[in-house]
PDB file of all heavy atoms in Angstrom:
ATOM      1  N   SER A   1     -37.635  50.194 -65.653  1.00  0.00           N
ATOM      2  CA  SER A   1     -36.844  51.305 -65.124  1.00  0.00           C
ATOM      3  C   SER A   1     -36.322  52.226 -66.216  1.00  0.00           C
ATOM      4  O   SER A   1     -35.655  53.216 -65.916  1.00  0.00           O
ATOM      5  CB  SER A   1     -35.672  50.777 -64.304  1.00  0.00           C
ATOM      6  OG  SER A   1     -34.840  49.971 -65.098  1.00  0.00           O
ATOM      7  N   GLY A   2     -36.594  51.879 -67.474  1.00  0.00           N
ATOM      8  CA  GLY A   2     -36.219  52.766 -68.571  1.00  0.00           C
ATOM      9  C   GLY A   2     -34.959  52.392 -69.318  1.00  0.00           C
ATOM     10  O   GLY A   2     -34.551  53.127 -70.228  1.00  0.00           O
ATOM     11  N   SER A   3     -34.347  51.279 -68.988  1.00  0.00           N
ATOM     12  CA  SER A   3     -33.179  50.832 -69.755  1.00  0.00           C
ATOM     13  C   SER A   3     -33.633  50.359 -71.124  1.00  0.00           C
ATOM     14  O   SER A   3     -34.668  49.708 -71.257  1.00  0.00           O
ATOM     15  CB  SER A   3     -32.461  49.697 -69.022  1.00  0.00           C
ATOM     16  OG  SER A   3     -31.947  50.152 -67.797  1.00  0.00           O
ATOM     17  N   THR A   4     -32.836  50.698 -72.135  1.00  0.00           N
ATOM     18  CA  THR A   4     -33.250  50.422 -73.512  1.00  0.00           C
ATOM     19  C   THR A   4     -32.246  49.550 -74.251  1.00  0.00           C
ATOM     20  O   THR A   4     -31.061  49.482 -73.896  1.00  0.00           O
ATOM     21  CB  THR A   4     -33.428  51.736 -74.290  1.00  0.00           C
ATOM     22  OG1 THR A   4     -32.186  52.460 -74.274  1.00  0.00           O
ATOM     23  CG2 THR A   4     -34.513  52.588 -73.670  1.00  0.00           C
ATOM     24  N   ASN A   5     -32.759  48.911 -75.299  1.00  0.00           N
ATOM     25  CA  ASN A   5     -31.927  48.070 -76.154  1.00  0.00           C
ATOM     26  C   ASN A   5     -32.470  48.195 -77.574  1.00  0.00           C
ATOM     27  O   ASN A   5     -33.692  48.272 -77.754  1.00  0.00           O
ATOM     28  CB  ASN A   5     -31.975  46.618 -75.692  1.00  0.00           C
ATOM     29  CG  ASN A   5     -31.008  45.749 -76.466  1.00  0.00           C
ATOM     30  OD1 ASN A   5     -29.832  46.050 -76.553  1.00  0.00           O
ATOM     31  ND2 ASN A   5     -31.513  44.678 -77.048  1.00  0.00           N
ATOM     32  N   TYR A   6     -31.562  48.226 -78.559  1.00  0.00           N
ATOM     33  CA  TYR A   6     -31.975  48.437 -79.946  1.00  0.00           C
ATOM     34  C   TYR A   6     -31.357  47.412 -80.883  1.00  0.00           C
ATOM     35  O   TYR A   6     -30.226  46.949 -80.669  1.00  0.00           O
ATOM     36  CB  TYR A   6     -31.553  49.836 -80.407  1.00  0.00           C
ATOM     37  CG  TYR A   6     -32.186  50.952 -79.640  1.00  0.00           C
ATOM     38  CD1 TYR A   6     -31.565  51.514 -78.533  1.00  0.00           C
ATOM     39  CD2 TYR A   6     -33.425  51.468 -80.035  1.00  0.00           C
ATOM     40  CE1 TYR A   6     -32.153  52.541 -77.814  1.00  0.00           C
ATOM     41  CE2 TYR A   6     -34.019  52.502 -79.332  1.00  0.00           C
ATOM     42  CZ  TYR A   6     -33.385  53.029 -78.223  1.00  0.00           C
ATOM     43  OH  TYR A   6     -33.971  54.049 -77.527  1.00  0.00           O
ATOM     44  N   ALA A   7     -32.083  47.111 -81.937  1.00  0.00           N
ATOM     45  CA  ALA A   7     -31.502  46.354 -83.033  1.00  0.00           C
ATOM     46  C   ALA A   7     -30.428  47.206 -83.690  1.00  0.00           C
ATOM     47  O   ALA A   7     -30.545  48.435 -83.759  1.00  0.00           O
ATOM     48  CB  ALA A   7     -32.577  45.981 -84.040  1.00  0.00           C
ATOM     49  N   ASP A   8     -29.380  46.548 -84.191  1.00  0.00           N
ATOM     50  CA  ASP A   8     -28.292  47.296 -84.817  1.00  0.00           C
ATOM     51  C   ASP A   8     -28.790  48.165 -85.965  1.00  0.00           C
ATOM     52  O   ASP A   8     -28.265  49.259 -86.204  1.00  0.00           O
ATOM     53  CB  ASP A   8     -27.228  46.326 -85.331  1.00  0.00           C
ATOM     54  CG  ASP A   8     -26.421  45.695 -84.209  1.00  0.00           C
ATOM     55  OD1 ASP A   8     -26.456  46.221 -83.073  1.00  0.00           O
ATOM     56  OD2 ASP A   8     -25.767  44.668 -84.463  1.00  0.00           O
ATOM     57  N   SER A   9     -29.796  47.693 -86.677  1.00  0.00           N
ATOM     58  CA  SER A   9     -30.279  48.401 -87.862  1.00  0.00           C
ATOM     59  C   SER A   9     -30.944  49.737 -87.541  1.00  0.00           C
ATOM     60  O   SER A   9     -31.109  50.576 -88.430  1.00  0.00           O
ATOM     61  CB  SER A   9     -31.266  47.525 -88.631  1.00  0.00           C
ATOM     62  OG  SER A   9     -32.364  47.176 -87.810  1.00  0.00           O
ATOM     63  N   VAL A  10     -31.323  49.950 -86.275  1.00  0.00           N
ATOM     64  CA  VAL A  10     -32.020  51.202 -85.929  1.00  0.00           C
ATOM     65  C   VAL A  10     -31.258  52.038 -84.901  1.00  0.00           C
ATOM     66  O   VAL A  10     -31.689  53.148 -84.583  1.00  0.00           O
ATOM     67  CB  VAL A  10     -33.450  50.922 -85.409  1.00  0.00           C
ATOM     68  CG1 VAL A  10     -34.221  50.071 -86.404  1.00  0.00           C
ATOM     69  CG2 VAL A  10     -33.441  50.288 -84.034  1.00  0.00           C
ATOM     70  N   LYS A  11     -30.145  51.532 -84.403  1.00  0.00           N
ATOM     71  CA  LYS A  11     -29.368  52.281 -83.406  1.00  0.00           C
ATOM     72  C   LYS A  11     -28.973  53.647 -83.935  1.00  0.00           C
ATOM     73  O   LYS A  11     -28.512  53.778 -85.065  1.00  0.00           O
ATOM     74  CB  LYS A  11     -28.109  51.502 -83.022  1.00  0.00           C
ATOM     75  CG  LYS A  11     -28.342  50.441 -81.979  1.00  0.00           C
ATOM     76  CD  LYS A  11     -27.045  49.731 -81.628  1.00  0.00           C
ATOM     77  CE  LYS A  11     -27.294  48.606 -80.636  1.00  0.00           C
ATOM     78  NZ  LYS A  11     -26.065  47.832 -80.348  1.00  0.00           N
ATOM     79  N   GLY A  12     -29.158  54.654 -83.105  1.00  0.00           N
ATOM     80  CA  GLY A  12     -28.804  56.013 -83.496  1.00  0.00           C
ATOM     81  C   GLY A  12     -29.887  56.729 -84.285  1.00  0.00           C
ATOM     82  O   GLY A  12     -29.804  57.940 -84.492  1.00  0.00           O
ATOM     83  N   ARG A  13     -30.918  56.004 -84.714  1.00  0.00           N
ATOM     84  CA  ARG A  13     -32.009  56.617 -85.474  1.00  0.00           C
ATOM     85  C   ARG A  13     -33.346  56.543 -84.726  1.00  0.00           C
ATOM     86  O   ARG A  13     -34.163  57.457 -84.849  1.00  0.00           O
ATOM     87  CB  ARG A  13     -32.169  55.910 -86.832  1.00  0.00           C
ATOM     88  CG  ARG A  13     -30.940  55.990 -87.707  1.00  0.00           C
ATOM     89  CD  ARG A  13     -31.219  55.454 -89.117  1.00  0.00           C
ATOM     90  NE  ARG A  13     -31.629  54.049 -89.121  1.00  0.00           N
ATOM     91  CZ  ARG A  13     -32.788  53.616 -89.608  1.00  0.00           C
ATOM     92  NH1 ARG A  13     -33.655  54.465 -90.125  1.00  0.00           N
ATOM     93  NH2 ARG A  13     -33.072  52.317 -89.594  1.00  0.00           N
ATOM     94  N   PHE A  14     -33.570  55.469 -84.004  1.00  0.00           N
ATOM     95  CA  PHE A  14     -34.831  55.265 -83.291  1.00  0.00           C
ATOM     96  C   PHE A  14     -34.620  55.431 -81.793  1.00  0.00           C
ATOM     97  O   PHE A  14     -33.552  55.096 -81.262  1.00  0.00           O
ATOM     98  CB  PHE A  14     -35.371  53.859 -83.538  1.00  0.00           C
ATOM     99  CG  PHE A  14     -35.883  53.604 -84.935  1.00  0.00           C
ATOM    100  CD1 PHE A  14     -35.653  54.480 -85.977  1.00  0.00           C
ATOM    101  CD2 PHE A  14     -36.604  52.444 -85.208  1.00  0.00           C
ATOM    102  CE1 PHE A  14     -36.121  54.232 -87.257  1.00  0.00           C
ATOM    103  CE2 PHE A  14     -37.088  52.172 -86.477  1.00  0.00           C
ATOM    104  CZ  PHE A  14     -36.843  53.074 -87.507  1.00  0.00           C
ATOM    105  N   THR A  15     -35.655  55.911 -81.105  1.00  0.00           N
ATOM    106  CA  THR A  15     -35.623  56.042 -79.653  1.00  0.00           C
ATOM    107  C   THR A  15     -36.917  55.499 -79.065  1.00  0.00           C
ATOM    108  O   THR A  15     -38.004  55.968 -79.421  1.00  0.00           O
ATOM    109  CB  THR A  15     -35.453  57.509 -79.230  1.00  0.00           C
ATOM    110  OG1 THR A  15     -34.252  58.034 -79.803  1.00  0.00           O
ATOM    111  CG2 THR A  15     -35.366  57.605 -77.713  1.00  0.00           C
ATOM    112  N   ILE A  16     -36.781  54.531 -78.171  1.00  0.00           N
ATOM    113  CA  ILE A  16     -37.942  53.988 -77.470  1.00  0.00           C
ATOM    114  C   ILE A  16     -38.072  54.694 -76.129  1.00  0.00           C
ATOM    115  O   ILE A  16     -37.068  55.017 -75.480  1.00  0.00           O
ATOM    116  CB  ILE A  16     -37.797  52.453 -77.281  1.00  0.00           C
ATOM    117  CG1 ILE A  16     -39.080  51.844 -76.728  1.00  0.00           C
ATOM    118  CG2 ILE A  16     -36.594  52.110 -76.410  1.00  0.00           C
ATOM    119  CD1 ILE A  16     -39.060  50.310 -76.703  1.00  0.00           C
ATOM    120  N   SER A  17     -39.301  54.962 -75.733  1.00  0.00           N
ATOM    121  CA  SER A  17     -39.531  55.614 -74.443  1.00  0.00           C
ATOM    122  C   SER A  17     -40.886  55.179 -73.899  1.00  0.00           C
ATOM    123  O   SER A  17     -41.671  54.553 -74.611  1.00  0.00           O
ATOM    124  CB  SER A  17     -39.467  57.138 -74.576  1.00  0.00           C
ATOM    125  OG  SER A  17     -40.482  57.601 -75.445  1.00  0.00           O
ATOM    126  N   ARG A  18     -41.143  55.547 -72.664  1.00  0.00           N
ATOM    127  CA  ARG A  18     -42.410  55.184 -72.046  1.00  0.00           C
ATOM    128  C   ARG A  18     -42.845  56.284 -71.087  1.00  0.00           C
ATOM    129  O   ARG A  18     -42.013  56.980 -70.504  1.00  0.00           O
ATOM    130  CB  ARG A  18     -42.302  53.863 -71.300  1.00  0.00           C
ATOM    131  CG  ARG A  18     -41.333  53.848 -70.137  1.00  0.00           C
ATOM    132  CD  ARG A  18     -41.068  52.434 -69.643  1.00  0.00           C
ATOM    133  NE  ARG A  18     -42.283  51.799 -69.153  1.00  0.00           N
ATOM    134  CZ  ARG A  18     -42.441  50.476 -69.056  1.00  0.00           C
ATOM    135  NH1 ARG A  18     -41.457  49.661 -69.421  1.00  0.00           N
ATOM    136  NH2 ARG A  18     -43.565  49.976 -68.587  1.00  0.00           N
ATOM    137  N   ASP A  19     -44.161  56.423 -70.948  1.00  0.00           N
ATOM    138  CA  ASP A  19     -44.746  57.351 -69.983  1.00  0.00           C
ATOM    139  C   ASP A  19     -45.649  56.511 -69.083  1.00  0.00           C
ATOM    140  O   ASP A  19     -46.779  56.162 -69.468  1.00  0.00           O
ATOM    141  CB  ASP A  19     -45.542  58.436 -70.709  1.00  0.00           C
ATOM    142  CG  ASP A  19     -46.072  59.492 -69.761  1.00  0.00           C
ATOM    143  OD1 ASP A  19     -46.250  59.209 -68.567  1.00  0.00           O
ATOM    144  OD2 ASP A  19     -46.328  60.614 -70.228  1.00  0.00           O
ATOM    145  N   ASN A  20     -45.153  56.172 -67.901  1.00  0.00           N
ATOM    146  CA  ASN A  20     -45.912  55.289 -67.013  1.00  0.00           C
ATOM    147  C   ASN A  20     -47.192  55.949 -66.506  1.00  0.00           C
ATOM    148  O   ASN A  20     -48.160  55.260 -66.185  1.00  0.00           O
ATOM    149  CB  ASN A  20     -45.044  54.850 -65.841  1.00  0.00           C
ATOM    150  CG  ASN A  20     -43.956  53.867 -66.265  1.00  0.00           C
ATOM    151  OD1 ASN A  20     -44.045  53.229 -67.308  1.00  0.00           O
ATOM    152  ND2 ASN A  20     -42.907  53.769 -65.457  1.00  0.00           N
ATOM    153  N   ALA A  21     -47.218  57.261 -66.450  1.00  0.00           N
ATOM    154  CA  ALA A  21     -48.431  57.953 -66.001  1.00  0.00           C
ATOM    155  C   ALA A  21     -49.551  57.824 -67.024  1.00  0.00           C
ATOM    156  O   ALA A  21     -50.734  57.881 -66.668  1.00  0.00           O
ATOM    157  CB  ALA A  21     -48.127  59.427 -65.741  1.00  0.00           C
ATOM    158  N   LYS A  22     -49.178  57.645 -68.286  1.00  0.00           N
ATOM    159  CA  LYS A  22     -50.168  57.528 -69.358  1.00  0.00           C
ATOM    160  C   LYS A  22     -50.320  56.097 -69.871  1.00  0.00           C
ATOM    161  O   LYS A  22     -51.074  55.857 -70.814  1.00  0.00           O
ATOM    162  CB  LYS A  22     -49.781  58.443 -70.525  1.00  0.00           C
ATOM    163  CG  LYS A  22     -49.801  59.919 -70.192  1.00  0.00           C
ATOM    164  CD  LYS A  22     -49.449  60.755 -71.413  1.00  0.00           C
ATOM    165  CE  LYS A  22     -49.524  62.238 -71.095  1.00  0.00           C
ATOM    166  NZ  LYS A  22     -49.163  63.074 -72.275  1.00  0.00           N
ATOM    167  N   ASN A  23     -49.583  55.157 -69.275  1.00  0.00           N
ATOM    168  CA  ASN A  23     -49.602  53.760 -69.747  1.00  0.00           C
ATOM    169  C   ASN A  23     -49.348  53.684 -71.249  1.00  0.00           C
ATOM    170  O   ASN A  23     -50.044  52.957 -71.991  1.00  0.00           O
ATOM    171  CB  ASN A  23     -50.942  53.093 -69.418  1.00  0.00           C
ATOM    172  CG  ASN A  23     -51.047  52.693 -67.958  1.00  0.00           C
ATOM    173  OD1 ASN A  23     -50.179  53.024 -67.156  1.00  0.00           O
ATOM    174  ND2 ASN A  23     -52.116  52.006 -67.608  1.00  0.00           N
ATOM    175  N   THR A  24     -48.366  54.423 -71.694  1.00  0.00           N
ATOM    176  CA  THR A  24     -48.104  54.522 -73.126  1.00  0.00           C
ATOM    177  C   THR A  24     -46.615  54.386 -73.401  1.00  0.00           C
ATOM    178  O   THR A  24     -45.782  54.928 -72.670  1.00  0.00           O
ATOM    179  CB  THR A  24     -48.612  55.855 -73.687  1.00  0.00           C
ATOM    180  OG1 THR A  24     -50.029  55.953 -73.449  1.00  0.00           O
ATOM    181  CG2 THR A  24     -48.369  55.942 -75.187  1.00  0.00           C
ATOM    182  N   MET A  25     -46.302  53.665 -74.479  1.00  0.00           N
ATOM    183  CA  MET A  25     -44.927  53.516 -74.953  1.00  0.00           C
ATOM    184  C   MET A  25     -44.823  54.181 -76.320  1.00  0.00           C
ATOM    185  O   MET A  25     -45.812  54.200 -77.069  1.00  0.00           O
ATOM    186  CB  MET A  25     -44.580  52.022 -75.058  1.00  0.00           C
ATOM    187  CG  MET A  25     -43.203  51.740 -75.619  1.00  0.00           C
ATOM    188  SD  MET A  25     -42.807  49.983 -75.665  1.00  0.00           S
ATOM    189  CE  MET A  25     -43.985  49.372 -76.860  1.00  0.00           C
ATOM    190  N   TYR A  26     -43.651  54.695 -76.618  1.00  0.00           N
ATOM    191  CA  TYR A  26     -43.438  55.402 -77.881  1.00  0.00           C
ATOM    192  C   TYR A  26     -42.222  54.850 -78.617  1.00  0.00           C
ATOM    193  O   TYR A  26     -41.320  54.263 -78.019  1.00  0.00           O
ATOM    194  CB  TYR A  26     -43.210  56.892 -77.615  1.00  0.00           C
ATOM    195  CG  TYR A  26     -44.291  57.551 -76.819  1.00  0.00           C
ATOM    196  CD1 TYR A  26     -44.155  57.757 -75.445  1.00  0.00           C
ATOM    197  CD2 TYR A  26     -45.467  57.982 -77.429  1.00  0.00           C
ATOM    198  CE1 TYR A  26     -45.155  58.353 -74.703  1.00  0.00           C
ATOM    199  CE2 TYR A  26     -46.474  58.596 -76.703  1.00  0.00           C
ATOM    200  CZ  TYR A  26     -46.314  58.774 -75.336  1.00  0.00           C
ATOM    201  OH  TYR A  26     -47.309  59.371 -74.612  1.00  0.00           O
ATOM    202  N   LEU A  27     -42.220  55.085 -79.916  1.00  0.00           N
ATOM    203  CA  LEU A  27     -41.034  54.829 -80.728  1.00  0.00           C
ATOM    204  C   LEU A  27     -40.861  56.021 -81.654  1.00  0.00           C
ATOM    205  O   LEU A  27     -41.674  56.214 -82.572  1.00  0.00           O
ATOM    206  CB  LEU A  27     -41.172  53.534 -81.531  1.00  0.00           C
ATOM    207  CG  LEU A  27     -39.926  53.130 -82.319  1.00  0.00           C
ATOM    208  CD1 LEU A  27     -38.794  52.736 -81.356  1.00  0.00           C
ATOM    209  CD2 LEU A  27     -40.227  51.977 -83.272  1.00  0.00           C
ATOM    210  N   GLN A  28     -39.844  56.827 -81.362  1.00  0.00           N
ATOM    211  CA  GLN A  28     -39.513  57.951 -82.230  1.00  0.00           C
ATOM    212  C   GLN A  28     -38.550  57.449 -83.298  1.00  0.00           C
ATOM    213  O   GLN A  28     -37.493  56.901 -82.967  1.00  0.00           O
ATOM    214  CB  GLN A  28     -38.858  59.070 -81.411  1.00  0.00           C
ATOM    215  CG  GLN A  28     -38.389  60.243 -82.237  1.00  0.00           C
ATOM    216  CD  GLN A  28     -39.530  61.028 -82.852  1.00  0.00           C
ATOM    217  OE1 GLN A  28     -40.531  61.289 -82.184  1.00  0.00           O
ATOM    218  NE2 GLN A  28     -39.398  61.395 -84.128  1.00  0.00           N
ATOM    219  N   MET A  29     -38.928  57.638 -84.549  1.00  0.00           N
ATOM    220  CA  MET A  29     -38.134  57.132 -85.669  1.00  0.00           C
ATOM    221  C   MET A  29     -37.661  58.309 -86.503  1.00  0.00           C
ATOM    222  O   MET A  29     -38.480  59.058 -87.049  1.00  0.00           O
ATOM    223  CB  MET A  29     -38.976  56.170 -86.507  1.00  0.00           C
ATOM    224  CG  MET A  29     -39.509  54.987 -85.716  1.00  0.00           C
ATOM    225  SD  MET A  29     -40.469  53.824 -86.711  1.00  0.00           S
ATOM    226  CE  MET A  29     -41.981  54.765 -86.909  1.00  0.00           C
ATOM    227  N   ASN A  30     -36.358  58.472 -86.591  1.00  0.00           N
ATOM    228  CA  ASN A  30     -35.752  59.545 -87.382  1.00  0.00           C
ATOM    229  C   ASN A  30     -34.925  58.952 -88.516  1.00  0.00           C
ATOM    230  O   ASN A  30     -34.570  57.772 -88.499  1.00  0.00           O
ATOM    231  CB  ASN A  30     -34.861  60.415 -86.491  1.00  0.00           C
ATOM    232  CG  ASN A  30     -35.631  61.086 -85.369  1.00  0.00           C
ATOM    233  OD1 ASN A  30     -36.805  61.429 -85.516  1.00  0.00           O
ATOM    234  ND2 ASN A  30     -34.972  61.291 -84.235  1.00  0.00           N
ATOM    235  N   SER A  31     -34.617  59.786 -89.478  1.00  0.00           N
ATOM    236  CA  SER A  31     -33.796  59.363 -90.632  1.00  0.00           C
ATOM    237  C   SER A  31     -34.314  58.055 -91.217  1.00  0.00           C
ATOM    238  O   SER A  31     -33.553  57.114 -91.458  1.00  0.00           O
ATOM    239  CB  SER A  31     -32.334  59.197 -90.198  1.00  0.00           C
ATOM    240  OG  SER A  31     -31.836  60.402 -89.665  1.00  0.00           O
ATOM    241  N   LEU A  32     -35.610  58.015 -91.439  1.00  0.00           N
ATOM    242  CA  LEU A  32     -36.225  56.783 -91.912  1.00  0.00           C
ATOM    243  C   LEU A  32     -35.730  56.409 -93.302  1.00  0.00           C
ATOM    244  O   LEU A  32     -35.435  57.272 -94.144  1.00  0.00           O
ATOM    245  CB  LEU A  32     -37.742  56.926 -91.911  1.00  0.00           C
ATOM    246  CG  LEU A  32     -38.372  56.754 -90.522  1.00  0.00           C
ATOM    247  CD1 LEU A  32     -39.745  57.394 -90.461  1.00  0.00           C
ATOM    248  CD2 LEU A  32     -38.439  55.274 -90.167  1.00  0.00           C
ATOM    249  N   LYS A  33     -35.653  55.099 -93.527  1.00  0.00           N
ATOM    250  CA  LYS A  33     -35.189  54.545 -94.795  1.00  0.00           C
ATOM    251  C   LYS A  33     -36.287  53.665 -95.381  1.00  0.00           C
ATOM    252  O   LYS A  33     -37.125  53.142 -94.631  1.00  0.00           O
ATOM    253  CB  LYS A  33     -33.940  53.680 -94.553  1.00  0.00           C
ATOM    254  CG  LYS A  33     -32.804  54.381 -93.833  1.00  0.00           C
ATOM    255  CD  LYS A  33     -31.677  53.407 -93.531  1.00  0.00           C
ATOM    256  CE  LYS A  33     -30.545  54.070 -92.785  1.00  0.00           C
ATOM    257  NZ  LYS A  33     -29.439  53.128 -92.494  1.00  0.00           N
ATOM    258  N   PRO A  34     -36.276  53.449 -96.680  1.00  0.00           N
ATOM    259  CA  PRO A  34     -37.280  52.556 -97.271  1.00  0.00           C
ATOM    260  C   PRO A  34     -37.295  51.171 -96.612  1.00  0.00           C
ATOM    261  O   PRO A  34     -38.365  50.552 -96.485  1.00  0.00           O
ATOM    262  CB  PRO A  34     -36.858  52.475 -98.727  1.00  0.00           C
ATOM    263  CG  PRO A  34     -36.194  53.783 -98.981  1.00  0.00           C
ATOM    264  CD  PRO A  34     -35.465  54.109 -97.717  1.00  0.00           C
ATOM    265  N   GLU A  35     -36.128  50.702 -96.160  1.00  0.00           N
ATOM    266  CA  GLU A  35     -36.081  49.375 -95.529  1.00  0.00           C
ATOM    267  C   GLU A  35     -36.707  49.354 -94.143  1.00  0.00           C
ATOM    268  O   GLU A  35     -36.822  48.290 -93.520  1.00  0.00           O
ATOM    269  CB  GLU A  35     -34.642  48.852 -95.454  1.00  0.00           C
ATOM    270  CG  GLU A  35     -33.645  49.818 -94.868  1.00  0.00           C
ATOM    271  CD  GLU A  35     -32.895  50.604 -95.956  1.00  0.00           C
ATOM    272  OE1 GLU A  35     -33.531  51.064 -96.939  1.00  0.00           O
ATOM    273  OE2 GLU A  35     -31.668  50.766 -95.793  1.00  0.00           O
ATOM    274  N   ASP A  36     -37.120  50.494 -93.617  1.00  0.00           N
ATOM    275  CA  ASP A  36     -37.878  50.541 -92.370  1.00  0.00           C
ATOM    276  C   ASP A  36     -39.365  50.284 -92.595  1.00  0.00           C
ATOM    277  O   ASP A  36     -40.131  50.198 -91.632  1.00  0.00           O
ATOM    278  CB  ASP A  36     -37.699  51.896 -91.684  1.00  0.00           C
ATOM    279  CG  ASP A  36     -36.273  52.139 -91.223  1.00  0.00           C
ATOM    280  OD1 ASP A  36     -35.650  51.208 -90.683  1.00  0.00           O
ATOM    281  OD2 ASP A  36     -35.793  53.283 -91.407  1.00  0.00           O
ATOM    282  N   THR A  37     -39.765  50.191 -93.852  1.00  0.00           N
ATOM    283  CA  THR A  37     -41.167  49.922 -94.164  1.00  0.00           C
ATOM    284  C   THR A  37     -41.584  48.582 -93.568  1.00  0.00           C
ATOM    285  O   THR A  37     -40.960  47.550 -93.823  1.00  0.00           O
ATOM    286  CB  THR A  37     -41.380  49.909 -95.679  1.00  0.00           C
ATOM    287  OG1 THR A  37     -41.147  51.226 -96.189  1.00  0.00           O
ATOM    288  CG2 THR A  37     -42.797  49.467 -96.029  1.00  0.00           C
ATOM    289  N   ALA A  38     -42.653  48.616 -92.763  1.00  0.00           N
ATOM    290  CA  ALA A  38     -43.109  47.410 -92.075  1.00  0.00           C
ATOM    291  C   ALA A  38     -44.364  47.739 -91.269  1.00  0.00           C
ATOM    292  O   ALA A  38     -44.715  48.914 -91.104  1.00  0.00           O
ATOM    293  CB  ALA A  38     -42.029  46.883 -91.134  1.00  0.00           C
ATOM    294  N   VAL A  39     -44.986  46.692 -90.762  1.00  0.00           N
ATOM    295  CA  VAL A  39     -46.004  46.874 -89.737  1.00  0.00           C
ATOM    296  C   VAL A  39     -45.292  46.818 -88.388  1.00  0.00           C
ATOM    297  O   VAL A  39     -44.541  45.879 -88.120  1.00  0.00           O
ATOM    298  CB  VAL A  39     -47.088  45.786 -89.800  1.00  0.00           C
ATOM    299  CG1 VAL A  39     -48.102  45.990 -88.679  1.00  0.00           C
ATOM    300  CG2 VAL A  39     -47.786  45.807 -91.160  1.00  0.00           C
ATOM    301  N   TYR A  40     -45.520  47.826 -87.581  1.00  0.00           N
ATOM    302  CA  TYR A  40     -44.860  47.929 -86.278  1.00  0.00           C
ATOM    303  C   TYR A  40     -45.827  47.474 -85.191  1.00  0.00           C
ATOM    304  O   TYR A  40     -46.965  47.973 -85.113  1.00  0.00           O
ATOM    305  CB  TYR A  40     -44.386  49.361 -86.042  1.00  0.00           C
ATOM    306  CG  TYR A  40     -43.142  49.671 -86.837  1.00  0.00           C
ATOM    307  CD1 TYR A  40     -43.195  49.841 -88.216  1.00  0.00           C
ATOM    308  CD2 TYR A  40     -41.888  49.759 -86.214  1.00  0.00           C
ATOM    309  CE1 TYR A  40     -42.039  50.089 -88.957  1.00  0.00           C
ATOM    310  CE2 TYR A  40     -40.734  50.009 -86.938  1.00  0.00           C
ATOM    311  CZ  TYR A  40     -40.825  50.171 -88.310  1.00  0.00           C
ATOM    312  OH  TYR A  40     -39.678  50.411 -89.041  1.00  0.00           O
ATOM    313  N   TYR A  41     -45.341  46.552 -84.354  1.00  0.00           N
ATOM    314  CA  TYR A  41     -46.164  45.953 -83.312  1.00  0.00           C
ATOM    315  C   TYR A  41     -45.607  46.266 -81.928  1.00  0.00           C
ATOM    316  O   TYR A  41     -44.391  46.232 -81.706  1.00  0.00           O
ATOM    317  CB  TYR A  41     -46.209  44.435 -83.468  1.00  0.00           C
ATOM    318  CG  TYR A  41     -46.865  43.946 -84.729  1.00  0.00           C
ATOM    319  CD1 TYR A  41     -46.117  43.683 -85.860  1.00  0.00           C
ATOM    320  CD2 TYR A  41     -48.239  43.716 -84.772  1.00  0.00           C
ATOM    321  CE1 TYR A  41     -46.711  43.209 -87.021  1.00  0.00           C
ATOM    322  CE2 TYR A  41     -48.844  43.241 -85.920  1.00  0.00           C
ATOM    323  CZ  TYR A  41     -48.073  42.991 -87.049  1.00  0.00           C
ATOM    324  OH  TYR A  41     -48.672  42.526 -88.186  1.00  0.00           O
ATOM    325  N   CYS A  42     -46.499  46.462 -81.021  1.00  0.00           N
ATOM    326  CA  CYS A  42     -46.193  46.635 -79.614  1.00  0.00           C
ATOM    327  C   CYS A  42     -46.302  45.275 -78.916  1.00  0.00           C
ATOM    328  O   CYS A  42     -47.200  44.491 -79.225  1.00  0.00           O
ATOM    329  CB  CYS A  42     -47.214  47.626 -79.049  1.00  0.00           C
ATOM    330  SG  CYS A  42     -47.197  47.855 -77.288  1.00  0.00           S
ATOM    331  N   ASN A  43     -45.374  44.998 -78.010  1.00  0.00           N
ATOM    332  CA  ASN A  43     -45.370  43.724 -77.293  1.00  0.00           C
ATOM    333  C   ASN A  43     -45.264  43.939 -75.794  1.00  0.00           C
ATOM    334  O   ASN A  43     -44.496  44.795 -75.335  1.00  0.00           O
ATOM    335  CB  ASN A  43     -44.193  42.870 -77.756  1.00  0.00           C
ATOM    336  CG  ASN A  43     -44.009  41.623 -76.913  1.00  0.00           C
ATOM    337  OD1 ASN A  43     -43.243  41.612 -75.961  1.00  0.00           O
ATOM    338  ND2 ASN A  43     -44.734  40.584 -77.258  1.00  0.00           N
ATOM    339  N   ALA A  44     -46.024  43.124 -75.051  1.00  0.00           N
ATOM    340  CA  ALA A  44     -45.948  43.173 -73.589  1.00  0.00           C
ATOM    341  C   ALA A  44     -46.094  41.765 -73.028  1.00  0.00           C
ATOM    342  O   ALA A  44     -47.102  41.104 -73.276  1.00  0.00           O
ATOM    343  CB  ALA A  44     -47.053  44.061 -73.024  1.00  0.00           C
ATOM    344  N   PRO A  45     -45.083  41.302 -72.279  1.00  0.00           N
ATOM    345  CA  PRO A  45     -45.228  40.034 -71.570  1.00  0.00           C
ATOM    346  C   PRO A  45     -45.967  40.287 -70.261  1.00  0.00           C
ATOM    347  O   PRO A  45     -45.447  40.938 -69.366  1.00  0.00           O
ATOM    348  CB  PRO A  45     -43.781  39.621 -71.314  1.00  0.00           C
ATOM    349  CG  PRO A  45     -43.020  40.905 -71.281  1.00  0.00           C
ATOM    350  CD  PRO A  45     -43.771  41.919 -72.086  1.00  0.00           C
ATOM    351  N   ALA A  46     -47.212  39.817 -70.168  1.00  0.00           N
ATOM    352  CA  ALA A  46     -48.007  40.118 -68.980  1.00  0.00           C
ATOM    353  C   ALA A  46     -48.865  38.912 -68.622  1.00  0.00           C
ATOM    354  O   ALA A  46     -49.370  38.220 -69.505  1.00  0.00           O
ATOM    355  CB  ALA A  46     -48.904  41.336 -69.220  1.00  0.00           C
TER     356      ALA A  46
END
């Protein structure tokens, strides 16, 4: 339904969203820091 939850380390900087018509999820990342360096994975319990 679009309710979101964030890790404290990214609150206020990252935004998760989804487009159900496109079967696609997004993560908008702003004010990136060197400590955000990582491999980012998508997860779905299905």
